[in-house]
Amino acid sequence: MSSARATSGDPSSWPSAPGSPDRPTGTPAAGPMADSAPWPLASPAADPARPIASVLFVCTGNVCRSPFAERLLAALAPHVRVTSRGTHALVGSAMDADMAAELQARGGDAAGFVSRSLAPVDLEADLVLAMETAHLDVIRDEQPAALLRSGLLGHADSLAGLAQDGPLTVRDVRSWSRTSRTADGAIADPYRRGRRVAGRSATAIEEMVRPLAAALSRPEDVA
């Protein structure tokens, strides 16, 4: 059974997720909502030397941190498949207004975004970037093998640093993942904390996403 959840209704009535201290009370909980069509991805184990072709960002409600990261990376690296999901998603909701404004100020676009809940099929992405350690716990529960491709976004600069002689590969992700799960790589949750906090979170995410985009495969490297 999936541990990712989603609900609708009054946010003040939604329970907090265990082990998620960064998330304010009011982030929702209930069942999965997948894309209408699954990703047509090859197994990451098939060719460790191939460039990264897909990135998944994971946060709690999928309305603040992960959609901001998704849309910013999509703008910077349009040749890579980028998406985001929530462990306790506010399913069907648009992106948080403050984070959407921060995204627009950085050249991204939140138009058309809707929150979705994390499902096992999503974890087939070549690179999975979570916002806090509680999200890694959910990833482990959903699909243990996905931890080999997962880490905290706040450590993504060290992953980008591995791209010395070419674009990042699946092998690079596996090597990096082992040392990328410590709590100092967490990105604070700005949900309902105002524009100033949203700006700080947006800046922290941008500082990781821009070097990552530069290190990802060029369009001609993605079949």
C-alpha atoms as a PDB file:
ATOM      1  CA  MET A   1       0.000   0.000   0.000  1.00  0.00           C
ATOM      2  CA  SER A   2       1.301   3.432  -0.913  1.00  0.00           C
ATOM      3  CA  SER A   3       2.352   5.642   1.984  1.00  0.00           C
ATOM      4  CA  ALA A   4       2.008   8.824  -0.096  1.00  0.00           C
ATOM      5  CA  ARG A   5      -1.195  10.642   0.751  1.00  0.00           C
ATOM      6  CA  ALA A   6      -3.443  13.454  -0.423  1.00  0.00           C
ATOM      7  CA  THR A   7      -6.673  15.188   0.630  1.00  0.00           C
ATOM      8  CA  SER A   8      -8.856  18.168   0.039  1.00  0.00           C
ATOM      9  CA  GLY A   9     -10.790  20.359   2.448  1.00  0.00           C
ATOM     10  CA  ASP A  10      -9.776  22.743   5.188  1.00  0.00           C
ATOM     11  CA  PRO A  11      -5.954  22.639   5.535  1.00  0.00           C
ATOM     12  CA  SER A  12      -6.191  23.415   9.240  1.00  0.00           C
ATOM     13  CA  SER A  13      -7.833  20.036   9.785  1.00  0.00           C
ATOM     14  CA  TRP A  14      -5.164  17.983   8.011  1.00  0.00           C
ATOM     15  CA  PRO A  15      -2.775  15.935  10.180  1.00  0.00           C
ATOM     16  CA  SER A  16       0.962  16.482  10.104  1.00  0.00           C
ATOM     17  CA  ALA A  17       3.147  13.738   8.634  1.00  0.00           C
ATOM     18  CA  PRO A  18       5.344  11.957  11.181  1.00  0.00           C
ATOM     19  CA  GLY A  19       9.013  12.895  11.054  1.00  0.00           C
ATOM     20  CA  SER A  20       8.503  16.067   9.012  1.00  0.00           C
ATOM     21  CA  PRO A  21       9.451  18.916  11.356  1.00  0.00           C
ATOM     22  CA  ASP A  22       9.911  21.456   8.560  1.00  0.00           C
ATOM     23  CA  ARG A  23       6.289  21.150   7.447  1.00  0.00           C
ATOM     24  CA  PRO A  24       3.767  23.351   9.275  1.00  0.00           C
ATOM     25  CA  THR A  25       0.580  21.773  10.562  1.00  0.00           C
ATOM     26  CA  GLY A  26      -1.980  21.913   7.777  1.00  0.00           C
ATOM     27  CA  THR A  27      -0.183  20.003   5.016  1.00  0.00           C
ATOM     28  CA  PRO A  28      -2.678  17.397   3.844  1.00  0.00           C
ATOM     29  CA  ALA A  29      -2.807  13.629   3.737  1.00  0.00           C
ATOM     30  CA  ALA A  30      -4.594  10.898   1.449  1.00  0.00           C
ATOM     31  CA  GLY A  31      -4.320   8.564  -1.721  1.00  0.00           C
ATOM     32  CA  PRO A  32      -2.155   8.621  -4.851  1.00  0.00           C
ATOM     33  CA  MET A  33      -2.846  10.472  -8.086  1.00  0.00           C
ATOM     34  CA  ALA A  34      -0.557   9.493 -10.955  1.00  0.00           C
ATOM     35  CA  ASP A  35      -0.100  11.093 -14.357  1.00  0.00           C
ATOM     36  CA  SER A  36      -2.532   9.937 -17.021  1.00  0.00           C
ATOM     37  CA  ALA A  37       0.371   8.263 -18.830  1.00  0.00           C
ATOM     38  CA  PRO A  38       3.330   6.603 -17.068  1.00  0.00           C
ATOM     39  CA  TRP A  39       6.848   7.720 -17.907  1.00  0.00           C
ATOM     40  CA  PRO A  40       8.354   5.680 -20.772  1.00  0.00           C
ATOM     41  CA  LEU A  41      11.615   5.148 -18.907  1.00  0.00           C
ATOM     42  CA  ALA A  42      14.290   2.517 -19.347  1.00  0.00           C
ATOM     43  CA  SER A  43      15.569   0.788 -16.237  1.00  0.00           C
ATOM     44  CA  PRO A  44      18.330   2.913 -14.649  1.00  0.00           C
ATOM     45  CA  ALA A  45      20.293  -0.320 -14.174  1.00  0.00           C
ATOM     46  CA  ALA A  46      20.395  -0.918 -17.944  1.00  0.00           C
ATOM     47  CA  ASP A  47      23.288   1.438 -18.716  1.00  0.00           C
ATOM     48  CA  PRO A  48      25.022   3.219 -15.810  1.00  0.00           C
ATOM     49  CA  ALA A  49      27.065   5.308 -18.244  1.00  0.00           C
ATOM     50  CA  ARG A  50      24.087   6.930 -19.924  1.00  0.00           C
ATOM     51  CA  PRO A  51      23.280  10.589 -19.258  1.00  0.00           C
ATOM     52  CA  ILE A  52      20.494  11.500 -16.869  1.00  0.00           C
ATOM     53  CA  ALA A  53      17.258  11.873 -18.832  1.00  0.00           C
ATOM     54  CA  SER A  54      14.683  12.339 -16.054  1.00  0.00           C
ATOM     55  CA  VAL A  55      14.519  14.131 -12.698  1.00  0.00           C
ATOM     56  CA  LEU A  56      11.875  13.899  -9.979  1.00  0.00           C
ATOM     57  CA  PHE A  57      11.548  16.413  -7.133  1.00  0.00           C
ATOM     58  CA  VAL A  58       9.728  15.366  -3.952  1.00  0.00           C
ATOM     59  CA  CYS A  59       8.360  17.498  -1.138  1.00  0.00           C
ATOM     60  CA  THR A  60       5.367  17.251   1.190  1.00  0.00           C
ATOM     61  CA  GLY A  61       2.325  19.016  -0.300  1.00  0.00           C
ATOM     62  CA  ASN A  62       3.682  19.413  -3.858  1.00  0.00           C
ATOM     63  CA  VAL A  63       2.617  23.055  -3.899  1.00  0.00           C
ATOM     64  CA  CYS A  64       5.777  24.923  -2.806  1.00  0.00           C
ATOM     65  CA  ARG A  65       9.272  23.461  -2.951  1.00  0.00           C
ATOM     66  CA  SER A  66       9.099  20.622  -5.440  1.00  0.00           C
ATOM     67  CA  PRO A  67       6.982  22.428  -8.078  1.00  0.00           C
ATOM     68  CA  PHE A  68       9.261  25.454  -7.855  1.00  0.00           C
ATOM     69  CA  ALA A  69      12.275  23.201  -8.457  1.00  0.00           C
ATOM     70  CA  GLU A  70      10.476  21.313 -11.234  1.00  0.00           C
ATOM     71  CA  ARG A  71       9.455  24.377 -13.212  1.00  0.00           C
ATOM     72  CA  LEU A  72      12.799  26.126 -12.739  1.00  0.00           C
ATOM     73  CA  LEU A  73      14.807  23.117 -13.916  1.00  0.00           C
ATOM     74  CA  ALA A  74      12.401  22.581 -16.816  1.00  0.00           C
ATOM     75  CA  ALA A  75      13.048  26.158 -17.933  1.00  0.00           C
ATOM     76  CA  LEU A  76      16.826  25.747 -17.651  1.00  0.00           C
ATOM     77  CA  ALA A  77      17.081  22.226 -19.092  1.00  0.00           C
ATOM     78  CA  PRO A  78      14.070  21.685 -21.376  1.00  0.00           C
ATOM     79  CA  HIS A  79      15.627  18.566 -22.913  1.00  0.00           C
ATOM     80  CA  VAL A  80      15.337  16.676 -19.590  1.00  0.00           C
ATOM     81  CA  ARG A  81      12.060  15.149 -18.353  1.00  0.00           C
ATOM     82  CA  VAL A  82      11.288  16.913 -15.058  1.00  0.00           C
ATOM     83  CA  THR A  83       8.363  16.386 -12.698  1.00  0.00           C
ATOM     84  CA  SER A  84       7.474  16.669  -9.018  1.00  0.00           C
ATOM     85  CA  ARG A  85       5.306  14.894  -6.471  1.00  0.00           C
ATOM     86  CA  GLY A  86       4.237  15.180  -2.818  1.00  0.00           C
ATOM     87  CA  THR A  87       4.358  12.629  -0.032  1.00  0.00           C
ATOM     88  CA  HIS A  88       1.184  14.182   1.434  1.00  0.00           C
ATOM     89  CA  ALA A  89       0.022  16.009  -1.665  1.00  0.00           C
ATOM     90  CA  LEU A  90      -2.616  18.695  -1.808  1.00  0.00           C
ATOM     91  CA  VAL A  91      -3.933  16.905  -4.879  1.00  0.00           C
ATOM     92  CA  GLY A  92      -5.253  19.099  -7.688  1.00  0.00           C
ATOM     93  CA  SER A  93      -4.105  22.374  -6.117  1.00  0.00           C
ATOM     94  CA  ALA A  94      -2.183  25.027  -7.993  1.00  0.00           C
ATOM     95  CA  MET A  95       1.276  26.110  -6.937  1.00  0.00           C
ATOM     96  CA  ASP A  96       1.476  28.276  -3.805  1.00  0.00           C
ATOM     97  CA  ALA A  97       1.052  31.921  -4.830  1.00  0.00           C
ATOM     98  CA  ASP A  98       4.197  33.191  -3.092  1.00  0.00           C
ATOM     99  CA  MET A  99       6.379  30.469  -4.605  1.00  0.00           C
ATOM    100  CA  ALA A 100       4.783  31.013  -8.007  1.00  0.00           C
ATOM    101  CA  ALA A 101       5.724  34.694  -7.783  1.00  0.00           C
ATOM    102  CA  GLU A 102       9.300  33.770  -6.836  1.00  0.00           C
ATOM    103  CA  LEU A 103       9.423  31.358  -9.766  1.00  0.00           C
ATOM    104  CA  GLN A 104       8.199  33.969 -12.224  1.00  0.00           C
ATOM    105  CA  ALA A 105      10.844  36.402 -10.968  1.00  0.00           C
ATOM    106  CA  ARG A 106      13.467  33.792 -11.910  1.00  0.00           C
ATOM    107  CA  GLY A 107      12.181  33.073 -15.394  1.00  0.00           C
ATOM    108  CA  GLY A 108       9.931  30.095 -14.635  1.00  0.00           C
ATOM    109  CA  ASP A 109       6.211  29.636 -15.170  1.00  0.00           C
ATOM    110  CA  ALA A 110       3.730  28.010 -12.784  1.00  0.00           C
ATOM    111  CA  ALA A 111       0.840  28.021 -15.289  1.00  0.00           C
ATOM    112  CA  GLY A 112      -1.059  24.754 -15.454  1.00  0.00           C
ATOM    113  CA  PHE A 113       0.644  23.150 -12.482  1.00  0.00           C
ATOM    114  CA  VAL A 114      -1.444  20.835 -10.286  1.00  0.00           C
ATOM    115  CA  SER A 115      -0.286  18.983  -7.190  1.00  0.00           C
ATOM    116  CA  ARG A 116       0.081  15.196  -7.436  1.00  0.00           C
ATOM    117  CA  SER A 117       0.810  12.442  -4.957  1.00  0.00           C
ATOM    118  CA  LEU A 118       3.930  10.294  -5.107  1.00  0.00           C
ATOM    119  CA  ALA A 119       3.447   6.801  -6.569  1.00  0.00           C
ATOM    120  CA  PRO A 120       6.008   3.993  -7.049  1.00  0.00           C
ATOM    121  CA  VAL A 121       6.110   4.485 -10.830  1.00  0.00           C
ATOM    122  CA  ASP A 122       7.356   8.057 -10.316  1.00  0.00           C
ATOM    123  CA  LEU A 123      10.456   6.695  -8.591  1.00  0.00           C
ATOM    124  CA  GLU A 124      11.752   5.199 -11.835  1.00  0.00           C
ATOM    125  CA  ALA A 125      13.311   8.599 -12.601  1.00  0.00           C
ATOM    126  CA  ASP A 126      17.074   8.639 -13.101  1.00  0.00           C
ATOM    127  CA  LEU A 127      17.513  11.198 -10.304  1.00  0.00           C
ATOM    128  CA  VAL A 128      15.180  11.744  -7.343  1.00  0.00           C
ATOM    129  CA  LEU A 129      15.732  14.889  -5.275  1.00  0.00           C
ATOM    130  CA  ALA A 130      13.897  15.241  -1.961  1.00  0.00           C
ATOM    131  CA  MET A 131      13.581  18.340   0.195  1.00  0.00           C
ATOM    132  CA  GLU A 132      14.051  16.716   3.611  1.00  0.00           C
ATOM    133  CA  THR A 133      14.976  13.392   5.189  1.00  0.00           C
ATOM    134  CA  ALA A 134      11.326  12.494   5.942  1.00  0.00           C
ATOM    135  CA  HIS A 135      10.737  12.377   2.187  1.00  0.00           C
ATOM    136  CA  LEU A 136      13.621   9.944   1.762  1.00  0.00           C
ATOM    137  CA  ASP A 137      11.925   7.711   4.338  1.00  0.00           C
ATOM    138  CA  VAL A 138       8.792   7.649   2.197  1.00  0.00           C
ATOM    139  CA  ILE A 139      10.845   6.924  -0.933  1.00  0.00           C
ATOM    140  CA  ARG A 140      12.480   3.988   0.842  1.00  0.00           C
ATOM    141  CA  ASP A 141       9.072   2.642   1.858  1.00  0.00           C
ATOM    142  CA  GLU A 142       7.613   3.053  -1.627  1.00  0.00           C
ATOM    143  CA  GLN A 143      10.544   1.582  -3.553  1.00  0.00           C
ATOM    144  CA  PRO A 144      13.747   0.716  -1.625  1.00  0.00           C
ATOM    145  CA  ALA A 145      15.871   0.444  -4.778  1.00  0.00           C
ATOM    146  CA  ALA A 146      15.052   4.068  -5.613  1.00  0.00           C
ATOM    147  CA  LEU A 147      17.317   5.236  -2.761  1.00  0.00           C
ATOM    148  CA  LEU A 148      20.245   4.373  -5.051  1.00  0.00           C
ATOM    149  CA  ARG A 149      19.066   7.260  -7.234  1.00  0.00           C
ATOM    150  CA  SER A 150      17.930   9.608  -4.450  1.00  0.00           C
ATOM    151  CA  GLY A 151      19.350  12.349  -2.261  1.00  0.00           C
ATOM    152  CA  LEU A 152      18.524  15.730  -0.757  1.00  0.00           C
ATOM    153  CA  LEU A 153      18.334  18.720  -3.063  1.00  0.00           C
ATOM    154  CA  GLY A 154      20.537  20.728  -0.719  1.00  0.00           C
ATOM    155  CA  HIS A 155      23.442  18.443  -1.686  1.00  0.00           C
ATOM    156  CA  ALA A 156      22.879  18.760  -5.454  1.00  0.00           C
ATOM    157  CA  ASP A 157      25.808  21.122  -5.871  1.00  0.00           C
ATOM    158  CA  SER A 158      28.171  18.270  -5.030  1.00  0.00           C
ATOM    159  CA  LEU A 159      26.438  16.100  -7.632  1.00  0.00           C
ATOM    160  CA  ALA A 160      26.847  18.814 -10.240  1.00  0.00           C
ATOM    161  CA  GLY A 161      30.543  18.911  -9.376  1.00  0.00           C
ATOM    162  CA  LEU A 162      30.938  15.355 -10.666  1.00  0.00           C
ATOM    163  CA  ALA A 163      30.291  16.498 -14.251  1.00  0.00           C
ATOM    164  CA  GLN A 164      33.923  17.250 -15.070  1.00  0.00           C
ATOM    165  CA  ASP A 165      34.343  15.449 -18.403  1.00  0.00           C
ATOM    166  CA  GLY A 166      30.773  15.355 -19.677  1.00  0.00           C
ATOM    167  CA  PRO A 167      27.146  15.395 -18.577  1.00  0.00           C
ATOM    168  CA  LEU A 168      26.038  13.678 -15.377  1.00  0.00           C
ATOM    169  CA  THR A 169      25.325   9.969 -15.692  1.00  0.00           C
ATOM    170  CA  VAL A 170      23.313   7.365 -13.819  1.00  0.00           C
ATOM    171  CA  ARG A 171      26.611   6.106 -12.376  1.00  0.00           C
ATOM    172  CA  ASP A 172      27.366   9.582 -10.989  1.00  0.00           C
ATOM    173  CA  VAL A 173      23.998   9.610  -9.223  1.00  0.00           C
ATOM    174  CA  ARG A 174      24.646   6.254  -7.568  1.00  0.00           C
ATOM    175  CA  SER A 175      28.047   7.389  -6.335  1.00  0.00           C
ATOM    176  CA  TRP A 176      26.677  10.687  -5.009  1.00  0.00           C
ATOM    177  CA  SER A 177      23.569   9.223  -3.409  1.00  0.00           C
ATOM    178  CA  ARG A 178      25.467   7.385  -0.690  1.00  0.00           C
ATOM    179  CA  THR A 179      26.650  10.662   0.852  1.00  0.00           C
ATOM    180  CA  SER A 180      23.693  12.938   0.010  1.00  0.00           C
ATOM    181  CA  ARG A 181      21.089  11.998   2.612  1.00  0.00           C
ATOM    182  CA  THR A 182      22.248  13.971   5.652  1.00  0.00           C
ATOM    183  CA  ALA A 183      19.837  16.499   7.165  1.00  0.00           C
ATOM    184  CA  ASP A 184      22.062  19.502   6.398  1.00  0.00           C
ATOM    185  CA  GLY A 185      20.868  19.158   2.794  1.00  0.00           C
ATOM    186  CA  ALA A 186      17.235  19.907   3.680  1.00  0.00           C
ATOM    187  CA  ILE A 187      15.319  22.851   2.181  1.00  0.00           C
ATOM    188  CA  ALA A 188      12.966  24.547   4.671  1.00  0.00           C
ATOM    189  CA  ASP A 189       9.243  24.389   3.944  1.00  0.00           C
ATOM    190  CA  PRO A 190       7.770  27.864   3.227  1.00  0.00           C
ATOM    191  CA  TYR A 191       4.132  26.711   3.225  1.00  0.00           C
ATOM    192  CA  ARG A 192       1.911  29.543   4.526  1.00  0.00           C
ATOM    193  CA  ARG A 193       4.884  31.379   6.030  1.00  0.00           C
ATOM    194  CA  GLY A 194       4.729  34.483   3.844  1.00  0.00           C
ATOM    195  CA  ARG A 195       6.666  35.936   0.939  1.00  0.00           C
ATOM    196  CA  ARG A 196       9.903  36.505   2.847  1.00  0.00           C
ATOM    197  CA  VAL A 197      10.245  32.848   3.830  1.00  0.00           C
ATOM    198  CA  ALA A 198       9.176  31.820   0.331  1.00  0.00           C
ATOM    199  CA  GLY A 199      11.968  33.968  -1.055  1.00  0.00           C
ATOM    200  CA  ARG A 200      14.556  32.306   1.165  1.00  0.00           C
ATOM    201  CA  SER A 201      13.414  28.834   0.147  1.00  0.00           C
ATOM    202  CA  ALA A 202      13.311  29.828  -3.506  1.00  0.00           C
ATOM    203  CA  THR A 203      16.864  31.161  -3.321  1.00  0.00           C
ATOM    204  CA  ALA A 204      18.103  27.980  -1.619  1.00  0.00           C
ATOM    205  CA  ILE A 205      16.474  25.848  -4.322  1.00  0.00           C
ATOM    206  CA  GLU A 206      17.752  28.036  -7.147  1.00  0.00           C
ATOM    207  CA  GLU A 207      21.308  27.785  -5.815  1.00  0.00           C
ATOM    208  CA  MET A 208      21.112  24.001  -6.239  1.00  0.00           C
ATOM    209  CA  VAL A 209      19.080  23.819  -9.452  1.00  0.00           C
ATOM    210  CA  ARG A 210      21.192  26.149 -11.590  1.00  0.00           C
ATOM    211  CA  PRO A 211      24.461  24.180 -11.277  1.00  0.00           C
ATOM    212  CA  LEU A 212      22.511  20.959 -11.685  1.00  0.00           C
ATOM    213  CA  ALA A 213      20.995  22.213 -14.941  1.00  0.00           C
ATOM    214  CA  ALA A 214      24.439  23.103 -16.240  1.00  0.00           C
ATOM    215  CA  ALA A 215      25.694  19.609 -15.416  1.00  0.00           C
ATOM    216  CA  LEU A 216      22.822  17.711 -17.014  1.00  0.00           C
ATOM    217  CA  SER A 217      22.998  16.198 -20.446  1.00  0.00           C
ATOM    218  CA  ARG A 218      22.846  18.306 -23.561  1.00  0.00           C
ATOM    219  CA  PRO A 219      19.870  17.759 -25.883  1.00  0.00           C
ATOM    220  CA  GLU A 220      21.946  15.646 -28.269  1.00  0.00           C
ATOM    221  CA  ASP A 221      22.875  13.297 -25.369  1.00  0.00           C
ATOM    222  CA  VAL A 222      19.245  12.347 -24.695  1.00  0.00           C
ATOM    223  CA  ALA A 223      17.855   9.751 -27.129  1.00  0.00           C
END
